[in-house]
Amino acid sequence: MKKLMLFTCLCLLSIGAQAADFEYLVFTLSDGTKKAVTASNVSIQFSEENLQVSSGDDVLATLPLASLIEMEFSNEGTTGIESVSVNQLITDSNTVIYDMNGRQMPSMAQLPKGVYILKSNNKTIKVSIK
């Protein structure tokens, strides 16, 4: 029995040491969406229907177990920012650009580095200018 307890403790310590090397814990759901939470000081609790991720008193995520496909540690979170061809957006006369404060921007060519919301042809996307 002592050997089993010792083995279990060693396994848990090695998992904790490996998790400390990563910034995020990323969950993939059956509909393809991903939810990333910080991997620092998290606790995971399971109920009959849900998985709950907490850090201290803060609940970071509550996910239905039935739709959970994958759970992995990663150094890349999920941002929702796509790579977009700037030339394609500039040539579209229907493109309207907003900054993160909701102000309409004059043109793509004059944008400083930052995150913007683009509306074009009934599609809204978030882009990052680097």
N, C-alpha and C. Protein backbone atom coordinates (compact mmCIF):
# COMPACT_ATOMS: atom_id res chain seq x y z
N MET A 1 0.83 -1.20 0.00
CA MET A 1 0.00 0.00 0.00
C MET A 1 0.87 1.26 0.00
N LYS A 2 1.97 1.25 0.78
CA LYS A 2 2.86 2.41 0.82
C LYS A 2 3.51 2.64 -0.54
N LYS A 3 3.85 1.55 -1.23
CA LYS A 3 4.46 1.68 -2.55
C LYS A 3 3.48 2.32 -3.52
N LEU A 4 2.22 1.93 -3.45
CA LEU A 4 1.20 2.50 -4.33
C LEU A 4 1.03 4.00 -4.05
N MET A 5 0.98 4.38 -2.79
CA MET A 5 0.85 5.79 -2.42
C MET A 5 2.07 6.58 -2.89
N LEU A 6 3.26 6.03 -2.71
CA LEU A 6 4.47 6.69 -3.14
C LEU A 6 4.49 6.87 -4.66
N PHE A 7 4.12 5.81 -5.38
CA PHE A 7 4.05 5.88 -6.84
C PHE A 7 3.06 6.95 -7.29
N THR A 8 1.89 7.00 -6.66
CA THR A 8 0.87 7.99 -7.00
C THR A 8 1.39 9.41 -6.76
N CYS A 9 2.05 9.63 -5.63
CA CYS A 9 2.60 10.95 -5.32
C CYS A 9 3.66 11.36 -6.33
N LEU A 10 4.54 10.43 -6.70
CA LEU A 10 5.57 10.73 -7.69
C LEU A 10 4.96 11.08 -9.04
N CYS A 11 3.92 10.36 -9.43
CA CYS A 11 3.24 10.66 -10.69
C CYS A 11 2.63 12.05 -10.66
N LEU A 12 1.97 12.39 -9.56
CA LEU A 12 1.34 13.71 -9.46
C LEU A 12 2.38 14.82 -9.46
N LEU A 13 3.51 14.61 -8.80
CA LEU A 13 4.57 15.61 -8.79
C LEU A 13 5.16 15.81 -10.18
N SER A 14 5.34 14.72 -10.92
CA SER A 14 5.89 14.86 -12.27
C SER A 14 4.91 15.56 -13.20
N ILE A 15 3.62 15.32 -13.04
CA ILE A 15 2.62 16.01 -13.85
C ILE A 15 2.64 17.50 -13.51
N GLY A 16 2.73 17.83 -12.24
CA GLY A 16 2.79 19.23 -11.82
C GLY A 16 4.02 19.92 -12.36
N ALA A 17 5.15 19.23 -12.36
CA ALA A 17 6.38 19.82 -12.88
C ALA A 17 6.27 20.04 -14.39
N GLN A 18 5.65 19.13 -15.10
CA GLN A 18 5.49 19.30 -16.53
C GLN A 18 4.50 20.42 -16.84
N ALA A 19 3.44 20.53 -16.09
CA ALA A 19 2.43 21.58 -16.32
C ALA A 19 3.03 22.96 -16.08
N ALA A 20 3.99 23.06 -15.17
CA ALA A 20 4.60 24.35 -14.87
C ALA A 20 5.38 24.91 -16.06
N ASP A 21 5.73 24.06 -17.01
CA ASP A 21 6.47 24.50 -18.19
C ASP A 21 5.59 25.16 -19.24
N PHE A 22 4.29 25.15 -19.05
CA PHE A 22 3.36 25.67 -20.05
C PHE A 22 2.55 26.83 -19.50
N GLU A 23 2.14 27.74 -20.40
CA GLU A 23 1.36 28.92 -20.00
C GLU A 23 -0.14 28.66 -19.95
N TYR A 24 -0.64 27.78 -20.83
CA TYR A 24 -2.09 27.61 -20.97
C TYR A 24 -2.51 26.15 -20.86
N LEU A 25 -3.73 25.96 -20.42
CA LEU A 25 -4.42 24.68 -20.49
C LEU A 25 -5.54 24.90 -21.49
N VAL A 26 -5.49 24.16 -22.60
CA VAL A 26 -6.42 24.39 -23.72
C VAL A 26 -7.39 23.21 -23.82
N PHE A 27 -8.68 23.53 -23.87
CA PHE A 27 -9.73 22.53 -24.01
C PHE A 27 -10.33 22.64 -25.40
N THR A 28 -10.49 21.50 -26.08
CA THR A 28 -11.13 21.47 -27.39
C THR A 28 -12.48 20.79 -27.24
N LEU A 29 -13.53 21.44 -27.74
CA LEU A 29 -14.88 20.92 -27.63
C LEU A 29 -15.31 20.27 -28.94
N SER A 30 -16.37 19.49 -28.90
CA SER A 30 -16.82 18.73 -30.08
C SER A 30 -17.24 19.61 -31.25
N ASP A 31 -17.61 20.88 -30.99
CA ASP A 31 -17.99 21.77 -32.08
C ASP A 31 -16.78 22.47 -32.70
N GLY A 32 -15.58 22.12 -32.23
CA GLY A 32 -14.35 22.68 -32.79
C GLY A 32 -13.83 23.91 -32.05
N THR A 33 -14.61 24.47 -31.14
CA THR A 33 -14.14 25.64 -30.40
C THR A 33 -13.10 25.23 -29.38
N LYS A 34 -12.23 26.19 -29.07
CA LYS A 34 -11.19 25.96 -28.07
C LYS A 34 -11.31 27.00 -26.99
N LYS A 35 -11.06 26.59 -25.77
CA LYS A 35 -11.08 27.49 -24.62
C LYS A 35 -9.74 27.34 -23.92
N ALA A 36 -8.99 28.44 -23.77
CA ALA A 36 -7.69 28.41 -23.11
C ALA A 36 -7.78 29.15 -21.79
N VAL A 37 -7.20 28.57 -20.76
CA VAL A 37 -7.12 29.22 -19.45
C VAL A 37 -5.66 29.18 -19.02
N THR A 38 -5.28 30.10 -18.18
CA THR A 38 -3.92 30.12 -17.68
C THR A 38 -3.65 28.83 -16.90
N ALA A 39 -2.46 28.27 -17.08
CA ALA A 39 -2.13 27.00 -16.43
C ALA A 39 -1.52 27.21 -15.05
N SER A 40 -1.40 28.45 -14.63
CA SER A 40 -0.78 28.75 -13.35
C SER A 40 -1.79 28.64 -12.21
N ASN A 41 -1.50 27.80 -11.25
CA ASN A 41 -2.31 27.63 -10.04
C ASN A 41 -3.77 27.27 -10.32
N VAL A 42 -4.00 26.37 -11.26
CA VAL A 42 -5.37 25.97 -11.56
C VAL A 42 -5.74 24.70 -10.79
N SER A 43 -7.02 24.60 -10.52
CA SER A 43 -7.56 23.35 -9.96
C SER A 43 -8.73 22.94 -10.85
N ILE A 44 -8.87 21.63 -11.04
CA ILE A 44 -9.91 21.10 -11.89
C ILE A 44 -10.83 20.23 -11.05
N GLN A 45 -12.12 20.49 -11.17
CA GLN A 45 -13.12 19.71 -10.45
C GLN A 45 -14.10 19.12 -11.45
N PHE A 46 -14.50 17.89 -11.21
CA PHE A 46 -15.45 17.21 -12.07
C PHE A 46 -16.75 16.99 -11.33
N SER A 47 -17.86 17.25 -12.02
CA SER A 47 -19.18 16.88 -11.51
C SER A 47 -19.72 15.84 -12.49
N GLU A 48 -20.95 15.45 -12.33
CA GLU A 48 -21.51 14.44 -13.24
C GLU A 48 -21.58 14.95 -14.68
N GLU A 49 -21.80 16.25 -14.87
CA GLU A 49 -21.99 16.78 -16.22
C GLU A 49 -20.93 17.78 -16.66
N ASN A 50 -20.19 18.39 -15.74
CA ASN A 50 -19.29 19.48 -16.09
C ASN A 50 -17.88 19.29 -15.54
N LEU A 51 -16.94 19.99 -16.19
CA LEU A 51 -15.58 20.14 -15.72
C LEU A 51 -15.44 21.62 -15.36
N GLN A 52 -14.96 21.92 -14.19
CA GLN A 52 -14.81 23.30 -13.76
C GLN A 52 -13.34 23.57 -13.47
N VAL A 53 -12.80 24.65 -14.08
CA VAL A 53 -11.42 25.04 -13.89
C VAL A 53 -11.42 26.32 -13.07
N SER A 54 -10.67 26.31 -11.97
CA SER A 54 -10.63 27.46 -11.07
C SER A 54 -9.19 27.84 -10.76
N SER A 55 -9.02 29.09 -10.37
CA SER A 55 -7.76 29.59 -9.86
C SER A 55 -8.11 30.41 -8.63
N GLY A 56 -7.80 29.87 -7.47
CA GLY A 56 -8.22 30.51 -6.23
C GLY A 56 -9.73 30.49 -6.13
N ASP A 57 -10.34 31.66 -5.92
CA ASP A 57 -11.80 31.76 -5.85
C ASP A 57 -12.44 32.04 -7.21
N ASP A 58 -11.63 32.27 -8.25
CA ASP A 58 -12.14 32.62 -9.57
C ASP A 58 -12.38 31.37 -10.42
N VAL A 59 -13.60 31.24 -10.96
CA VAL A 59 -13.91 30.16 -11.89
C VAL A 59 -13.50 30.63 -13.28
N LEU A 60 -12.53 29.95 -13.88
CA LEU A 60 -12.02 30.33 -15.19
C LEU A 60 -12.85 29.76 -16.33
N ALA A 61 -13.40 28.55 -16.13
CA ALA A 61 -14.20 27.92 -17.18
C ALA A 61 -15.04 26.80 -16.58
N THR A 62 -16.25 26.64 -17.12
CA THR A 62 -17.11 25.50 -16.82
C THR A 62 -17.50 24.90 -18.16
N LEU A 63 -17.09 23.66 -18.38
CA LEU A 63 -17.29 23.02 -19.68
C LEU A 63 -18.08 21.74 -19.53
N PRO A 64 -19.03 21.46 -20.44
CA PRO A 64 -19.78 20.21 -20.37
C PRO A 64 -18.87 19.03 -20.76
N LEU A 65 -18.84 18.02 -19.92
CA LEU A 65 -17.99 16.85 -20.18
C LEU A 65 -18.38 16.14 -21.47
N ALA A 66 -19.66 16.15 -21.81
CA ALA A 66 -20.13 15.44 -23.00
C ALA A 66 -19.53 16.02 -24.28
N SER A 67 -19.15 17.30 -24.28
CA SER A 67 -18.61 17.91 -25.49
C SER A 67 -17.09 18.09 -25.44
N LEU A 68 -16.46 17.65 -24.37
CA LEU A 68 -15.01 17.79 -24.24
C LEU A 68 -14.30 16.71 -25.04
N ILE A 69 -13.48 17.14 -26.00
CA ILE A 69 -12.75 16.21 -26.87
C ILE A 69 -11.30 16.05 -26.42
N GLU A 70 -10.66 17.17 -26.08
CA GLU A 70 -9.23 17.14 -25.78
C GLU A 70 -8.89 18.19 -24.74
N MET A 71 -7.90 17.87 -23.92
CA MET A 71 -7.39 18.80 -22.93
C MET A 71 -5.87 18.69 -23.00
N GLU A 72 -5.19 19.83 -23.25
CA GLU A 72 -3.74 19.78 -23.40
C GLU A 72 -3.10 21.04 -22.84
N PHE A 73 -1.84 20.92 -22.44
CA PHE A 73 -1.06 22.08 -22.03
C PHE A 73 -0.38 22.65 -23.26
N SER A 74 -0.29 24.00 -23.32
CA SER A 74 0.27 24.64 -24.50
C SER A 74 0.89 25.97 -24.10
N ASN A 75 1.79 26.45 -24.91
CA ASN A 75 2.33 27.81 -24.73
C ASN A 75 1.62 28.80 -25.63
N GLU A 76 0.66 28.32 -26.42
CA GLU A 76 -0.12 29.18 -27.29
C GLU A 76 -1.58 29.14 -26.86
N GLY A 77 -2.12 30.30 -26.51
CA GLY A 77 -3.54 30.37 -26.16
C GLY A 77 -4.38 30.52 -27.41
N THR A 78 -5.66 30.68 -27.23
CA THR A 78 -6.55 30.90 -28.36
C THR A 78 -6.91 32.37 -28.39
N THR A 79 -6.68 33.03 -29.51
CA THR A 79 -6.92 34.46 -29.59
C THR A 79 -8.09 34.82 -30.48
N GLY A 80 -8.43 33.97 -31.43
CA GLY A 80 -9.47 34.30 -32.37
C GLY A 80 -9.00 35.24 -33.47
N ILE A 81 -7.70 35.55 -33.49
CA ILE A 81 -7.17 36.45 -34.51
C ILE A 81 -6.71 35.62 -35.70
N GLU A 82 -7.19 35.97 -36.89
CA GLU A 82 -6.84 35.26 -38.11
C GLU A 82 -5.74 35.98 -38.85
N SER A 83 -5.01 35.26 -39.69
CA SER A 83 -4.10 35.90 -40.63
C SER A 83 -4.90 36.27 -41.86
N VAL A 84 -4.79 37.52 -42.29
CA VAL A 84 -5.59 38.02 -43.40
C VAL A 84 -4.67 38.72 -44.38
N SER A 85 -4.93 38.56 -45.66
CA SER A 85 -4.18 39.27 -46.69
C SER A 85 -4.61 40.73 -46.70
N VAL A 86 -3.69 41.63 -46.40
CA VAL A 86 -4.01 43.05 -46.36
C VAL A 86 -4.42 43.55 -47.74
N ASN A 87 -3.76 43.06 -48.78
CA ASN A 87 -4.10 43.51 -50.14
C ASN A 87 -5.55 43.19 -50.49
N GLN A 88 -6.02 42.03 -50.08
CA GLN A 88 -7.41 41.64 -50.35
C GLN A 88 -8.38 42.58 -49.65
N LEU A 89 -8.07 42.97 -48.42
CA LEU A 89 -8.97 43.85 -47.67
C LEU A 89 -8.95 45.28 -48.20
N ILE A 90 -7.78 45.75 -48.65
CA ILE A 90 -7.69 47.12 -49.15
C ILE A 90 -8.49 47.28 -50.43
N THR A 91 -8.51 46.28 -51.27
CA THR A 91 -9.21 46.39 -52.55
C THR A 91 -10.73 46.28 -52.41
N ASP A 92 -11.22 45.83 -51.28
CA ASP A 92 -12.67 45.70 -51.06
C ASP A 92 -13.22 47.05 -50.60
N SER A 93 -14.03 47.68 -51.43
CA SER A 93 -14.57 49.01 -51.10
C SER A 93 -15.60 48.97 -49.98
N ASN A 94 -16.12 47.78 -49.66
CA ASN A 94 -17.12 47.65 -48.60
C ASN A 94 -16.50 47.47 -47.21
N THR A 95 -15.19 47.41 -47.12
CA THR A 95 -14.53 47.18 -45.83
C THR A 95 -14.59 48.43 -44.95
N VAL A 96 -15.08 48.24 -43.73
CA VAL A 96 -15.11 49.31 -42.73
C VAL A 96 -14.25 48.84 -41.58
N ILE A 97 -13.37 49.72 -41.09
CA ILE A 97 -12.39 49.35 -40.07
C ILE A 97 -12.68 50.14 -38.79
N TYR A 98 -12.67 49.43 -37.65
CA TYR A 98 -12.88 50.05 -36.35
C TYR A 98 -11.72 49.72 -35.44
N ASP A 99 -11.33 50.67 -34.57
CA ASP A 99 -10.33 50.35 -33.57
C ASP A 99 -11.03 49.68 -32.38
N MET A 100 -10.28 49.32 -31.36
CA MET A 100 -10.86 48.60 -30.22
C MET A 100 -11.75 49.48 -29.35
N ASN A 101 -11.79 50.80 -29.61
CA ASN A 101 -12.69 51.70 -28.91
C ASN A 101 -13.96 51.97 -29.71
N GLY A 102 -14.09 51.33 -30.89
CA GLY A 102 -15.28 51.48 -31.70
C GLY A 102 -15.25 52.64 -32.67
N ARG A 103 -14.12 53.33 -32.78
CA ARG A 103 -14.01 54.45 -33.70
C ARG A 103 -13.71 53.94 -35.10
N GLN A 104 -14.40 54.50 -36.10
CA GLN A 104 -14.14 54.12 -37.49
C GLN A 104 -12.81 54.73 -37.93
N MET A 105 -11.98 53.91 -38.56
CA MET A 105 -10.66 54.34 -39.01
C MET A 105 -10.73 54.75 -40.48
N PRO A 106 -9.88 55.70 -40.92
CA PRO A 106 -9.97 56.21 -42.28
C PRO A 106 -9.58 55.21 -43.37
N SER A 107 -8.47 54.49 -43.22
CA SER A 107 -8.06 53.54 -44.26
C SER A 107 -7.08 52.53 -43.69
N MET A 108 -6.93 51.41 -44.40
CA MET A 108 -6.01 50.35 -44.00
C MET A 108 -4.56 50.83 -44.07
N ALA A 109 -4.24 51.65 -45.06
CA ALA A 109 -2.85 52.04 -45.31
C ALA A 109 -2.26 52.87 -44.17
N GLN A 110 -3.11 53.55 -43.39
CA GLN A 110 -2.61 54.45 -42.36
C GLN A 110 -2.71 53.87 -40.95
N LEU A 111 -2.99 52.59 -40.81
CA LEU A 111 -3.19 52.02 -39.49
C LEU A 111 -1.88 51.74 -38.78
N PRO A 112 -1.74 52.19 -37.53
CA PRO A 112 -0.56 51.81 -36.74
C PRO A 112 -0.72 50.37 -36.24
N LYS A 113 0.31 49.84 -35.64
CA LYS A 113 0.24 48.50 -35.07
C LYS A 113 -0.87 48.46 -34.03
N GLY A 114 -1.59 47.32 -33.99
CA GLY A 114 -2.67 47.17 -33.03
C GLY A 114 -3.69 46.14 -33.49
N VAL A 115 -4.78 46.06 -32.75
CA VAL A 115 -5.87 45.14 -33.06
C VAL A 115 -7.07 45.93 -33.55
N TYR A 116 -7.69 45.45 -34.63
CA TYR A 116 -8.80 46.15 -35.26
C TYR A 116 -9.93 45.18 -35.60
N ILE A 117 -11.13 45.74 -35.75
CA ILE A 117 -12.30 44.98 -36.19
C ILE A 117 -12.61 45.42 -37.62
N LEU A 118 -12.71 44.46 -38.53
CA LEU A 118 -13.02 44.75 -39.92
C LEU A 118 -14.36 44.15 -40.28
N LYS A 119 -15.21 44.96 -40.91
CA LYS A 119 -16.50 44.48 -41.40
C LYS A 119 -16.48 44.57 -42.91
N SER A 120 -16.73 43.43 -43.55
CA SER A 120 -16.69 43.39 -45.01
C SER A 120 -17.63 42.30 -45.50
N ASN A 121 -18.54 42.65 -46.39
CA ASN A 121 -19.46 41.67 -46.99
C ASN A 121 -20.16 40.80 -45.95
N ASN A 122 -20.79 41.42 -44.98
CA ASN A 122 -21.55 40.72 -43.93
C ASN A 122 -20.69 39.79 -43.08
N LYS A 123 -19.38 40.01 -43.04
CA LYS A 123 -18.48 39.23 -42.22
C LYS A 123 -17.69 40.18 -41.34
N THR A 124 -17.57 39.82 -40.06
CA THR A 124 -16.78 40.63 -39.13
C THR A 124 -15.62 39.79 -38.64
N ILE A 125 -14.40 40.37 -38.73
CA ILE A 125 -13.22 39.66 -38.25
C ILE A 125 -12.37 40.59 -37.41
N LYS A 126 -11.58 40.00 -36.54
CA LYS A 126 -10.64 40.73 -35.72
C LYS A 126 -9.26 40.48 -36.30
N VAL A 127 -8.49 41.56 -36.54
CA VAL A 127 -7.16 41.41 -37.12
C VAL A 127 -6.12 42.13 -36.26
N SER A 128 -4.91 41.66 -36.37
CA SER A 128 -3.79 42.28 -35.67
C SER A 128 -2.79 42.79 -36.70
N ILE A 129 -2.47 44.08 -36.63
CA ILE A 129 -1.46 44.66 -37.50
C ILE A 129 -0.14 44.64 -36.72
N LYS A 130 0.84 43.97 -37.28
CA LYS A 130 2.14 43.86 -36.58
C LYS A 130 3.19 44.66 -37.28
